[in-house]
Amino acid sequence: MFLGVAVASAWGQDGVQKEKVAINGSIQSDILIPQTDESIGAVKDGDWGKTNTYVDLSAAYKHLGAGLRVEYLDHPLPGYEADMKGWGLMHAYLRLKYDKIDVTAGSFYEQFGSGFILRTYEERNLGVDNALIGGRVIVKPVDGITIKALSGKQRRYWDLNKSLVSGVDLELNTDKWIKSLAERGAYLTLGFSWVNKYEKNHNDITMVANEDGVPHRYVLNVPEFVNAFDVRANLHAGNFSVLGEYAWKTQDPIFDKNYPYIYRRGSVAMLSTSYSKSGLSVLLQAKRSDNMSFRSSRTVSGTSSFINHLPAFTLEHTYALAALYPYATQPNGEWAYQAELGYRFKRGTLLGGKYGTDVKVNFSHVHAIDRNNHVSDGTTMGSDGYGSAFWKWGNEKYYQDINVQLSKRVSRSFWINLMYMNQYYNKTVVEGEGGMIHSNIFVADAKYRFNKTYTLRGELQYLNTKQDDGDWMYALLELSVLPHFMITVADMINTGVTDTHYYQGFVTYNAGAHRLQVGYGRTRAGFNCAGGVCRYVPASKGFTVSYNFNF
């Protein structure tokens, strides 16, 4: 019906095309037909099938735009919280763009700077959709100045968190007025952001303290208004780029398993530099965060309550065993560093060979910040929680990996990718228990193109560790039959403790805007992460169907 109305508005009754209405949309449906498998802990809980299904529609006409999303998660896939169960319309918006003004009413996503004080987004693989529902105005009064103002309540599954989130962002592109910068190939962007959370006091937040051996109960006086600020500067000059950003937050006592309802102010500082030219790239980053968990509901944990986002300074691995122990950002505080060097050995050199050779080295390290508990009875609730020297490390390492990757085209039809990674993963910090896991990971990935139709790719991976479940092996074969088919078989084997096979097989069909994948196999229990945000996925087994359509 929606599509029919749009088409009718684009054509007159006499069949002559008038103003065109642009219609876009997509359908995504992921289905699991589960089976019980006690050997891996997979349980069929009564549903014959589970699905996460989304239908998006959007229309644009001249300066107007509108969109909506219908979601069906009445029987959600394993690992998605029970609160996600349901179906309906939680995302809809109207938008007006005219000249230098852009107005949105309804659901919208926004990010200020790097997201330290505001980032709302959707990540379906993680079950995250923390959109704001309210209003946003973007104004560009003159070239080089962008002002954003917004206010709304944050979505939490099929409801809204009660707090009101409002904010303003100002961004200045100075090269628009300082012509000498642009003439030298330099571009300087300055930014300032403010976000306010208004959340009524919770009188049920209480603490118990012993005075002269007698327990006394106190109701915490929680601030209703919490303010967060962000300042940043980003300079591009030739091949060089540097970004410095600092954000801070006023007192915001929230539930936290380690430091519940403390009154310490939050902060995060970041410095990121990069250099790139043909055949060479360098990246250096450092970040310190301290009590920077900013949520729209102080009594509720979970990713969908976060107003802000703290990116993980760790490489997001795509190989199965390299991603077996992914790091999740610790918003209550961490020191994080990342360095990366990429270099291409030119064709015709000793190491470059006939087609050249690409080498990339990445190093990531995350450490605890220094914390000095200055509460005599050990109860931090209702206090500042702890003291922390800015430059001083704590005693605990959270994560570290150094990996070396080599990519080379051996002939016109043959490519290889090799990787070695040495990793430290503090499972107790990230998951709650398990201690430090030290592993060595080896990956060999090769692809051979027989002709324009057939290409075969294979992976062999090995993870060696004396901790947790011990060693793992992984093998994959993937046959591409252009233009429509891809056939994949894979097996991940725990050779250290359980000798369990996590086998999978898929057939994928692509035709124009349609993509259909049918598969069968086992999925290991573990964490699925993206950008430092993680979701626990329980073990499962069964048939899978995935369908995507874009129009």
Protein backbone atom coordinates (compact mmCIF):
# COMPACT_ATOMS: atom_id res chain seq x y z
CA MET A 1 0.00 0.00 0.00
CA PHE A 2 2.83 2.39 0.94
CA LEU A 3 4.56 1.68 -2.36
CA GLY A 4 1.33 2.14 -4.31
CA VAL A 5 0.69 5.58 -2.83
CA ALA A 6 4.23 6.62 -3.71
CA VAL A 7 3.95 5.44 -7.30
CA ALA A 8 0.57 7.16 -7.72
CA SER A 9 2.04 10.45 -6.55
CA ALA A 10 4.81 10.17 -9.13
CA TRP A 11 2.42 9.84 -12.11
CA GLY A 12 -0.59 11.92 -13.04
CA GLN A 13 -3.95 10.47 -14.05
CA ASP A 14 -3.09 11.09 -17.71
CA GLY A 15 -0.04 8.83 -17.41
CA VAL A 16 2.44 11.66 -17.81
CA GLN A 17 5.36 11.45 -15.38
CA LYS A 18 5.50 14.36 -12.98
CA GLU A 19 7.68 14.91 -9.89
CA LYS A 20 9.54 11.72 -9.13
CA VAL A 21 9.33 10.08 -5.72
CA ALA A 22 12.41 8.04 -4.81
CA ILE A 23 11.52 4.78 -3.05
CA ASN A 24 14.15 2.70 -1.28
CA GLY A 25 13.94 -0.25 1.03
CA SER A 26 15.35 -3.52 2.20
CA ILE A 27 14.31 -6.83 3.71
CA GLN A 28 16.57 -8.81 5.99
CA SER A 29 15.51 -12.10 7.54
CA ASP A 30 17.78 -14.48 9.47
CA ILE A 31 16.21 -17.78 10.51
CA LEU A 32 17.41 -20.67 12.66
CA ILE A 33 15.61 -24.02 12.89
CA PRO A 34 17.23 -25.20 16.14
CA GLN A 35 18.19 -28.68 17.26
CA THR A 36 19.30 -29.96 20.66
CA ASP A 37 22.94 -31.01 20.95
CA GLU A 38 23.99 -31.71 24.54
CA SER A 39 27.65 -32.16 23.60
CA ILE A 40 27.98 -28.43 22.83
CA GLY A 41 25.24 -27.15 25.16
CA ALA A 42 22.74 -26.33 22.40
CA VAL A 43 19.13 -26.52 23.55
CA LYS A 44 15.91 -26.37 21.54
CA ASP A 45 13.54 -24.44 23.83
CA GLY A 46 10.24 -25.32 22.16
CA ASP A 47 10.17 -22.95 19.18
CA TRP A 48 10.32 -24.74 15.85
CA GLY A 49 12.12 -21.74 14.43
CA LYS A 50 13.73 -18.47 15.48
CA THR A 51 14.05 -15.35 13.38
CA ASN A 52 15.15 -11.73 13.38
CA THR A 53 13.37 -10.03 10.47
CA TYR A 54 13.50 -6.36 9.43
CA VAL A 55 11.67 -4.47 6.68
CA ASP A 56 12.91 -0.93 5.96
CA LEU A 57 11.11 1.56 3.69
CA SER A 58 12.06 5.15 2.85
CA ALA A 59 10.72 7.73 0.42
CA ALA A 60 12.03 11.11 -0.73
CA TYR A 61 10.16 13.82 -2.61
CA LYS A 62 11.81 17.15 -3.32
CA HIS A 63 12.84 18.45 0.12
CA LEU A 64 10.84 15.87 2.10
CA GLY A 65 11.81 12.42 3.31
CA ALA A 66 10.17 9.74 5.41
CA GLY A 67 11.04 6.26 6.55
CA LEU A 68 9.97 3.41 8.78
CA ARG A 69 11.14 -0.01 9.89
CA VAL A 70 8.96 -2.97 10.84
CA GLU A 71 10.74 -5.50 13.04
CA TYR A 72 9.70 -9.06 13.82
CA LEU A 73 11.56 -10.64 16.76
CA ASP A 74 8.75 -12.53 18.43
CA HIS A 75 11.05 -15.58 18.47
CA PRO A 76 14.51 -13.95 18.49
CA LEU A 77 17.73 -15.72 17.56
CA PRO A 78 19.86 -17.19 20.40
CA GLY A 79 21.75 -14.62 22.41
CA TYR A 80 19.33 -11.76 21.96
CA GLU A 81 17.92 -10.57 25.28
CA ALA A 82 14.42 -11.56 26.30
CA ASP A 83 13.49 -7.86 26.21
CA MET A 84 13.94 -7.95 22.41
CA LYS A 85 11.07 -10.42 22.06
CA GLY A 86 8.18 -8.82 20.19
CA TRP A 87 7.30 -7.20 16.90
CA GLY A 88 6.05 -3.89 15.63
CA LEU A 89 7.05 -0.41 14.49
CA MET A 90 9.60 1.34 16.72
CA HIS A 91 11.50 3.26 14.04
CA ALA A 92 9.83 5.97 11.93
CA TYR A 93 10.78 9.48 10.93
CA LEU A 94 9.93 12.54 8.84
CA ARG A 95 12.70 14.75 7.44
CA LEU A 96 12.86 18.17 5.79
CA LYS A 97 16.02 19.34 4.00
CA TYR A 98 15.95 22.79 2.53
CA ASP A 99 18.88 25.03 1.69
CA LYS A 100 20.95 25.26 4.90
CA ILE A 101 18.58 23.55 7.30
CA ASP A 102 17.88 19.86 7.97
CA VAL A 103 15.07 18.91 10.38
CA THR A 104 14.19 15.39 11.55
CA ALA A 105 11.23 14.35 13.70
CA GLY A 106 10.94 10.80 15.01
CA SER A 107 13.73 8.23 15.18
CA PHE A 108 17.28 9.23 14.28
CA TYR A 109 20.91 8.27 14.81
CA GLU A 110 23.61 10.80 15.63
CA GLN A 111 27.24 10.99 16.69
CA PHE A 112 29.17 13.95 18.13
CA GLY A 113 32.90 13.76 17.39
CA SER A 114 34.28 10.30 18.13
CA GLY A 115 31.17 9.43 20.11
CA PHE A 116 32.66 9.95 23.58
CA ILE A 117 29.53 11.71 24.86
CA LEU A 118 26.96 10.80 22.17
CA ARG A 119 26.67 8.00 19.66
CA THR A 120 23.36 6.38 18.76
CA TYR A 121 23.45 3.63 16.15
CA GLU A 122 22.06 0.30 15.00
CA GLU A 123 24.13 -2.89 14.93
CA ARG A 124 21.80 -5.83 14.30
CA ASN A 125 24.49 -8.47 14.78
CA LEU A 126 24.87 -7.24 18.36
CA GLY A 127 21.22 -6.52 19.06
CA VAL A 128 21.96 -2.81 19.51
CA ASP A 129 19.53 -0.08 18.49
CA ASN A 130 19.77 2.90 20.84
CA ALA A 131 18.18 5.46 18.52
CA LEU A 132 16.87 8.71 19.91
CA ILE A 133 13.19 9.40 19.35
CA GLY A 134 12.45 13.10 19.32
CA GLY A 135 13.75 15.92 17.15
CA ARG A 136 17.00 17.10 15.55
CA VAL A 137 17.93 20.26 13.67
CA ILE A 138 21.11 20.69 11.59
CA VAL A 139 21.96 24.20 10.41
CA LYS A 140 24.82 25.40 8.21
CA PRO A 141 24.50 29.20 8.52
CA VAL A 142 27.71 29.89 6.55
CA ASP A 143 30.32 27.78 4.81
CA GLY A 144 32.50 25.99 7.33
CA ILE A 145 30.06 26.05 10.27
CA THR A 146 27.72 23.18 11.18
CA ILE A 147 25.42 23.34 14.20
CA LYS A 148 23.38 20.40 15.44
CA ALA A 149 20.74 20.51 18.17
CA LEU A 150 18.69 17.54 19.34
CA SER A 151 16.47 16.23 22.09
CA GLY A 152 14.68 12.96 22.65
CA LYS A 153 14.34 9.76 24.60
CA GLN A 154 16.45 6.72 23.89
CA ARG A 155 14.99 3.53 22.54
CA ARG A 156 15.41 0.41 24.67
CA TYR A 157 14.01 -2.59 22.77
CA TRP A 158 10.20 -2.03 22.63
CA ASP A 159 10.12 0.83 25.09
CA LEU A 160 11.84 4.14 25.81
CA ASN A 161 14.15 4.95 28.71
CA LYS A 162 12.56 7.63 30.87
CA SER A 163 15.42 10.14 30.80
CA LEU A 164 15.49 13.02 28.31
CA VAL A 165 18.70 13.38 26.30
CA SER A 166 19.49 16.77 24.74
CA GLY A 167 22.58 18.17 23.10
CA VAL A 168 24.29 20.68 20.85
CA ASP A 169 27.30 20.17 18.57
CA LEU A 170 29.34 22.91 16.86
CA GLU A 171 31.89 22.07 14.18
CA LEU A 172 34.15 24.59 12.46
CA ASN A 173 36.06 23.89 9.24
CA THR A 174 38.58 26.71 9.46
CA ASP A 175 40.01 26.20 5.98
CA LYS A 176 36.78 27.75 4.61
CA TRP A 177 37.84 31.13 6.02
CA ILE A 178 41.63 30.80 6.39
CA LYS A 179 42.58 30.49 2.72
CA SER A 180 46.27 30.16 3.51
CA LEU A 181 45.57 26.76 5.13
CA ALA A 182 43.83 25.35 2.07
CA GLU A 183 46.56 26.73 -0.19
CA ARG A 184 49.10 24.72 1.79
CA GLY A 185 46.95 21.60 1.64
CA ALA A 186 46.10 21.85 5.36
CA TYR A 187 42.64 21.43 6.83
CA LEU A 188 41.82 22.15 10.47
CA THR A 189 38.49 21.15 12.01
CA LEU A 190 37.49 22.25 15.51
CA GLY A 191 34.55 20.85 17.44
CA PHE A 192 32.67 21.40 20.68
CA SER A 193 29.77 19.32 22.00
CA TRP A 194 27.45 19.36 24.99
CA VAL A 195 25.01 16.64 26.04
CA ASN A 196 22.58 16.76 28.94
CA LYS A 197 20.71 13.87 30.50
CA TYR A 198 17.66 14.68 32.63
CA GLU A 199 16.66 11.71 34.77
CA LYS A 200 14.49 12.00 37.83
CA ASN A 201 15.95 10.95 41.17
CA HIS A 202 15.47 7.29 42.13
CA ASN A 203 14.48 7.20 45.78
CA ASP A 204 14.94 3.45 45.83
CA ILE A 205 18.74 3.74 45.46
CA THR A 206 19.91 3.17 49.02
CA MET A 207 23.11 2.22 50.79
CA VAL A 208 23.77 0.62 54.17
CA ALA A 209 26.66 1.84 56.33
CA ASN A 210 27.77 0.75 59.77
CA GLU A 211 28.15 3.49 62.35
CA ASP A 212 29.37 2.39 65.79
CA GLY A 213 28.48 -1.14 64.83
CA VAL A 214 24.87 -0.23 64.02
CA PRO A 215 23.71 -0.47 60.38
CA HIS A 216 22.04 2.65 58.98
CA ARG A 217 20.23 2.93 55.66
CA TYR A 218 20.69 6.06 53.53
CA VAL A 219 18.87 7.20 50.41
CA LEU A 220 21.33 8.52 47.84
CA ASN A 221 20.83 12.06 46.59
CA VAL A 222 21.24 11.47 42.86
CA PRO A 223 21.60 14.48 40.48
CA GLU A 224 18.72 14.81 38.05
CA PHE A 225 20.81 16.71 35.49
CA VAL A 226 24.06 15.20 34.17
CA ASN A 227 26.16 17.20 31.71
CA ALA A 228 28.88 15.95 29.38
CA PHE A 229 31.26 18.05 27.25
CA ASP A 230 33.61 17.28 24.37
CA VAL A 231 36.31 19.37 22.65
CA ARG A 232 38.36 18.22 19.68
CA ALA A 233 40.74 19.33 16.95
CA ASN A 234 41.55 17.46 13.75
CA LEU A 235 44.38 18.57 11.47
CA HIS A 236 45.13 17.20 8.00
CA ALA A 237 48.31 18.43 6.38
CA GLY A 238 49.46 16.62 3.27
CA ASN A 239 49.95 12.96 4.16
CA PHE A 240 49.79 13.63 7.89
CA SER A 241 46.74 13.69 10.17
CA VAL A 242 46.33 14.22 13.91
CA LEU A 243 43.21 14.13 16.08
CA GLY A 244 43.10 15.21 19.70
CA GLU A 245 39.91 14.91 21.72
CA TYR A 246 38.93 15.30 25.37
CA ALA A 247 35.55 14.72 27.01
CA TRP A 248 34.32 14.90 30.56
CA LYS A 249 31.14 14.19 32.48
CA THR A 250 29.67 15.57 35.71
CA GLN A 251 28.63 13.39 38.65
CA ASP A 252 26.51 10.51 37.38
CA PRO A 253 26.10 7.67 39.90
CA ILE A 254 24.97 4.58 37.98
CA PHE A 255 24.82 0.86 38.59
CA ASP A 256 28.20 -0.78 37.99
CA LYS A 257 29.23 -4.18 39.31
CA ASN A 258 32.67 -2.92 40.36
CA TYR A 259 31.90 0.63 41.53
CA PRO A 260 28.13 0.96 42.02
CA TYR A 261 26.63 4.45 42.36
CA ILE A 262 29.83 6.43 42.89
CA TYR A 263 30.01 10.21 42.46
CA ARG A 264 33.33 10.40 40.65
CA ARG A 265 33.36 12.59 37.53
CA GLY A 266 34.18 10.87 34.25
CA SER A 267 36.71 11.72 31.55
CA VAL A 268 38.31 10.38 28.39
CA ALA A 269 41.31 11.71 26.45
CA MET A 270 42.51 10.52 23.05
CA LEU A 271 45.35 11.32 20.69
CA SER A 272 45.48 9.70 17.24
CA THR A 273 48.03 10.36 14.50
CA SER A 274 48.44 8.83 11.07
CA TYR A 275 50.67 9.16 8.03
CA SER A 276 50.08 7.65 4.63
CA LYS A 277 51.51 7.78 1.16
CA SER A 278 51.80 5.33 -1.70
CA GLY A 279 53.11 2.06 -0.26
CA LEU A 280 53.37 3.25 3.36
CA SER A 281 50.93 3.86 6.23
CA VAL A 282 51.52 4.54 9.94
CA LEU A 283 48.96 4.80 12.76
CA LEU A 284 49.63 5.70 16.41
CA GLN A 285 46.83 6.01 18.99
CA ALA A 286 46.48 6.42 22.75
CA LYS A 287 43.36 6.73 24.90
CA ARG A 288 42.67 7.02 28.62
CA SER A 289 39.15 6.69 29.97
CA ASP A 290 38.00 6.93 33.58
CA ASN A 291 34.44 6.26 34.79
CA MET A 292 33.02 7.24 31.41
CA SER A 293 29.98 4.97 31.31
CA PHE A 294 27.19 7.31 30.18
CA ARG A 295 23.77 5.67 30.17
CA SER A 296 20.22 6.91 29.77
CA SER A 297 19.07 4.77 32.71
CA ARG A 298 21.32 4.70 35.76
CA THR A 299 19.76 1.53 37.20
CA VAL A 300 19.97 -0.56 34.02
CA SER A 301 23.03 -2.13 32.42
CA GLY A 302 23.35 -3.33 28.82
CA THR A 303 24.49 -1.89 25.51
CA SER A 304 21.11 -0.42 24.53
CA SER A 305 21.24 2.03 27.44
CA PHE A 306 24.52 3.66 26.44
CA ILE A 307 24.35 7.26 25.24
CA ASN A 308 28.05 7.29 24.34
CA HIS A 309 30.60 4.99 22.76
CA LEU A 310 34.24 4.34 23.62
CA PRO A 311 35.98 2.72 20.62
CA ALA A 312 38.35 -0.15 21.32
CA PHE A 313 41.94 0.50 20.24
CA THR A 314 42.32 -3.11 19.13
CA LEU A 315 42.29 -4.60 15.65
CA GLU A 316 38.91 -6.10 14.72
CA HIS A 317 39.92 -9.52 13.43
CA THR A 318 37.91 -11.38 10.81
CA TYR A 319 39.64 -14.78 10.97
CA ALA A 320 37.74 -17.20 13.23
CA LEU A 321 40.50 -18.12 15.68
CA ALA A 322 41.98 -14.62 15.78
CA ALA A 323 38.50 -13.44 16.83
CA LEU A 324 37.97 -16.25 19.36
CA TYR A 325 38.89 -13.97 22.28
CA PRO A 326 37.67 -10.47 21.29
CA TYR A 327 38.21 -7.49 23.58
CA ALA A 328 35.30 -5.43 24.94
CA THR A 329 35.99 -1.84 25.99
CA GLN A 330 35.87 -1.33 29.77
CA PRO A 331 33.95 1.94 30.25
CA ASN A 332 34.85 2.21 33.95
CA GLY A 333 38.44 2.93 32.95
CA GLU A 334 41.42 1.82 30.84
CA TRP A 335 44.63 2.92 29.15
CA ALA A 336 44.59 1.78 25.50
CA TYR A 337 47.29 2.01 22.83
CA GLN A 338 47.48 0.95 19.22
CA ALA A 339 50.24 1.18 16.61
CA GLU A 340 50.12 -0.04 13.02
CA LEU A 341 52.62 -0.03 10.19
CA GLY A 342 51.76 -1.01 6.64
CA TYR A 343 54.31 -1.26 3.87
CA ARG A 344 54.22 -2.42 0.26
CA PHE A 345 57.37 -3.84 -1.27
CA LYS A 346 57.37 -2.69 -4.86
CA ARG A 347 57.24 -4.91 -7.90
CA GLY A 348 60.57 -6.03 -9.23
CA THR A 349 62.37 -5.86 -5.85
CA LEU A 350 63.77 -8.83 -3.96
CA LEU A 351 60.86 -8.97 -1.48
CA GLY A 352 58.25 -7.56 -3.82
CA GLY A 353 58.70 -10.08 -6.60
CA LYS A 354 56.70 -9.83 -9.79
CA TYR A 355 53.48 -8.49 -8.23
CA GLY A 356 54.59 -6.75 -5.05
CA THR A 357 54.16 -7.77 -1.38
CA ASP A 358 52.07 -6.11 1.36
CA VAL A 359 53.09 -6.37 5.02
CA LYS A 360 51.15 -5.01 8.00
CA VAL A 361 52.21 -5.06 11.66
CA ASN A 362 49.68 -4.13 14.35
CA PHE A 363 50.22 -3.80 18.10
CA SER A 364 47.46 -3.23 20.68
CA HIS A 365 47.76 -2.96 24.44
CA VAL A 366 45.07 -2.20 27.04
CA HIS A 367 45.88 -1.72 30.71
CA ALA A 368 44.04 -0.79 33.90
CA ILE A 369 44.24 2.78 35.14
CA ASP A 370 45.63 3.48 38.59
CA ARG A 371 42.98 3.33 41.32
CA ASN A 372 43.48 4.19 45.00
CA ASN A 373 40.46 3.32 47.09
CA HIS A 374 40.25 6.04 49.71
CA VAL A 375 37.12 4.77 51.48
CA SER A 376 38.14 3.35 54.85
CA ASP A 377 35.37 0.74 55.19
CA GLY A 378 35.75 -0.50 51.59
CA THR A 379 32.24 0.62 50.59
CA THR A 380 32.54 2.93 47.59
CA MET A 381 28.80 3.44 47.08
CA GLY A 382 27.83 7.04 47.77
CA SER A 383 31.45 8.27 47.63
CA ASP A 384 33.86 9.39 44.91
CA GLY A 385 34.85 5.72 44.68
CA TYR A 386 38.60 6.05 44.20
CA GLY A 387 41.43 8.35 43.29
CA SER A 388 43.48 7.96 40.12
CA ALA A 389 46.74 9.55 38.95
CA PHE A 390 46.36 10.41 35.25
CA TRP A 391 49.64 9.02 33.91
CA LYS A 392 49.93 6.05 36.25
CA TRP A 393 49.01 2.51 35.24
CA GLY A 394 47.15 0.05 37.43
CA ASN A 395 48.47 -3.41 38.17
CA GLU A 396 46.35 -5.36 35.68
CA LYS A 397 46.79 -5.97 31.96
CA TYR A 398 43.44 -6.29 30.16
CA TYR A 399 44.49 -7.19 26.63
CA GLN A 400 47.45 -7.26 24.27
CA ASP A 401 48.13 -8.57 20.79
CA ILE A 402 50.82 -8.17 18.21
CA ASN A 403 50.11 -9.53 14.77
CA VAL A 404 51.97 -9.62 11.48
CA GLN A 405 50.13 -10.08 8.18
CA LEU A 406 51.62 -10.74 4.76
CA SER A 407 49.61 -10.55 1.53
CA LYS A 408 51.10 -11.55 -1.81
CA ARG A 409 49.96 -12.30 -5.31
CA VAL A 410 52.09 -15.25 -6.41
CA SER A 411 50.84 -15.48 -9.99
CA ARG A 412 48.01 -14.14 -12.12
CA SER A 413 45.70 -16.72 -10.57
CA PHE A 414 47.08 -17.37 -7.07
CA TRP A 415 47.05 -15.18 -3.89
CA ILE A 416 48.18 -15.95 -0.34
CA ASN A 417 47.66 -14.24 3.02
CA LEU A 418 49.65 -15.28 6.09
CA MET A 419 49.22 -14.06 9.67
CA TYR A 420 50.84 -14.66 13.04
CA MET A 421 49.36 -13.24 16.25
CA ASN A 422 50.57 -13.31 19.86
CA GLN A 423 47.68 -12.48 22.20
CA TYR A 424 47.00 -11.87 25.89
CA TYR A 425 43.32 -11.85 26.90
CA ASN A 426 42.16 -11.19 30.45
CA LYS A 427 39.04 -13.31 30.54
CA THR A 428 38.25 -12.35 34.11
CA VAL A 429 38.05 -8.65 33.22
CA VAL A 430 36.07 -9.10 30.00
CA GLU A 431 33.82 -12.04 30.90
CA GLY A 432 33.90 -12.24 34.71
CA GLU A 433 36.15 -15.28 35.24
CA GLY A 434 38.80 -17.37 33.52
CA GLY A 435 42.12 -15.62 34.22
CA MET A 436 44.71 -14.52 31.67
CA ILE A 437 44.82 -16.46 28.41
CA HIS A 438 48.04 -16.32 26.38
CA SER A 439 47.81 -17.71 22.86
CA ASN A 440 49.75 -17.95 19.60
CA ILE A 441 47.66 -17.96 16.44
CA PHE A 442 48.73 -18.92 12.92
CA VAL A 443 46.64 -18.33 9.77
CA ALA A 444 47.20 -19.33 6.13
CA ASP A 445 44.66 -18.08 3.58
CA ALA A 446 45.03 -18.90 -0.13
CA LYS A 447 42.90 -18.21 -3.22
CA TYR A 448 43.18 -19.70 -6.70
CA ARG A 449 41.17 -18.53 -9.71
CA PHE A 450 40.73 -21.31 -12.25
CA ASN A 451 38.95 -19.11 -14.77
CA LYS A 452 36.41 -16.28 -14.88
CA THR A 453 33.76 -18.56 -13.36
CA TYR A 454 35.46 -20.67 -10.67
CA THR A 455 37.56 -19.47 -7.72
CA LEU A 456 38.58 -21.61 -4.74
CA ARG A 457 39.66 -20.15 -1.41
CA GLY A 458 40.95 -22.07 1.59
CA GLU A 459 41.92 -21.25 5.18
CA LEU A 460 43.97 -23.14 7.76
CA GLN A 461 44.19 -21.73 11.29
CA TYR A 462 45.78 -22.91 14.52
CA LEU A 463 45.51 -21.45 18.03
CA ASN A 464 47.90 -22.68 20.71
CA THR A 465 47.35 -21.96 24.41
CA LYS A 466 47.80 -23.73 27.75
CA GLN A 467 44.84 -21.92 29.31
CA ASP A 468 41.04 -22.11 28.99
CA ASP A 469 40.00 -24.82 26.51
CA GLY A 470 43.50 -25.30 25.11
CA ASP A 471 44.32 -25.61 21.41
CA TRP A 472 41.98 -25.01 18.47
CA MET A 473 42.17 -25.76 14.74
CA TYR A 474 40.06 -24.34 11.93
CA ALA A 475 39.72 -25.22 8.25
CA LEU A 476 37.59 -23.68 5.51
CA LEU A 477 36.98 -24.22 1.80
CA GLU A 478 34.99 -21.75 -0.27
CA LEU A 479 34.10 -22.26 -3.93
CA SER A 480 32.82 -19.25 -5.85
CA VAL A 481 30.84 -19.99 -9.02
CA LEU A 482 30.18 -16.69 -10.76
CA PRO A 483 27.84 -14.99 -11.18
CA HIS A 484 25.45 -16.55 -8.66
CA PHE A 485 26.77 -19.26 -6.30
CA MET A 486 29.16 -19.67 -3.39
CA ILE A 487 29.61 -22.96 -1.51
CA THR A 488 31.35 -22.94 1.89
CA VAL A 489 32.32 -25.73 4.31
CA ALA A 490 34.20 -25.16 7.56
CA ASP A 491 35.12 -26.92 10.78
CA MET A 492 36.48 -25.49 14.05
CA ILE A 493 37.91 -28.17 16.31
CA ASN A 494 38.86 -27.95 19.97
CA THR A 495 41.87 -30.25 20.21
CA GLY A 496 42.88 -29.10 23.70
CA VAL A 497 40.11 -30.33 26.03
CA THR A 498 36.83 -31.42 24.48
CA ASP A 499 37.80 -32.63 20.99
CA THR A 500 34.54 -31.06 19.79
CA HIS A 501 33.86 -30.22 16.13
CA TYR A 502 31.94 -27.06 15.21
CA TYR A 503 31.18 -27.87 11.59
CA GLN A 504 29.24 -25.61 9.22
CA GLY A 505 28.16 -25.68 5.59
CA PHE A 506 26.54 -22.93 3.48
CA VAL A 507 25.23 -22.42 -0.02
CA THR A 508 24.80 -18.78 -1.05
CA TYR A 509 22.89 -17.55 -4.09
CA ASN A 510 23.14 -13.95 -5.39
CA ALA A 511 20.93 -12.52 -8.13
CA GLY A 512 20.77 -8.79 -8.56
CA ALA A 513 19.48 -7.26 -5.33
CA HIS A 514 18.65 -10.67 -3.84
CA ARG A 515 20.90 -12.76 -1.60
CA LEU A 516 19.84 -16.13 -0.18
CA GLN A 517 21.98 -18.32 2.06
CA VAL A 518 21.05 -21.77 3.36
CA GLY A 519 23.23 -23.60 5.88
CA TYR A 520 23.56 -26.24 8.57
CA GLY A 521 25.93 -26.70 11.46
CA ARG A 522 27.05 -25.89 14.97
CA THR A 523 27.90 -22.54 16.54
CA ARG A 524 30.22 -22.32 19.53
CA ALA A 525 29.18 -20.36 22.60
CA GLY A 526 31.17 -17.14 22.83
CA PHE A 527 31.19 -13.41 22.30
CA ASN A 528 30.39 -11.55 19.10
CA CYS A 529 32.02 -8.10 19.08
CA ALA A 530 32.20 -5.02 16.90
CA GLY A 531 34.02 -1.81 17.82
CA GLY A 532 34.58 -2.90 21.41
CA VAL A 533 30.89 -3.70 22.02
CA CYS A 534 30.13 -7.38 22.61
CA ARG A 535 27.15 -9.73 22.85
CA TYR A 536 27.24 -13.23 24.30
CA VAL A 537 25.97 -15.88 21.86
CA PRO A 538 25.03 -19.29 23.34
CA ALA A 539 25.84 -22.52 21.56
CA SER A 540 23.38 -23.55 18.83
CA LYS A 541 22.88 -26.18 16.17
CA GLY A 542 20.48 -26.45 13.26
CA PHE A 543 19.47 -25.24 9.82
CA THR A 544 19.90 -21.56 8.97
CA VAL A 545 18.32 -19.43 6.26
CA SER A 546 19.32 -15.84 5.54
CA TYR A 547 17.60 -13.64 2.96
CA ASN A 548 18.47 -10.07 1.96
CA PHE A 549 16.79 -7.87 -0.62
CA ASN A 550 17.55 -4.23 -1.41
CA PHE A 551 15.49 -2.04 -3.71
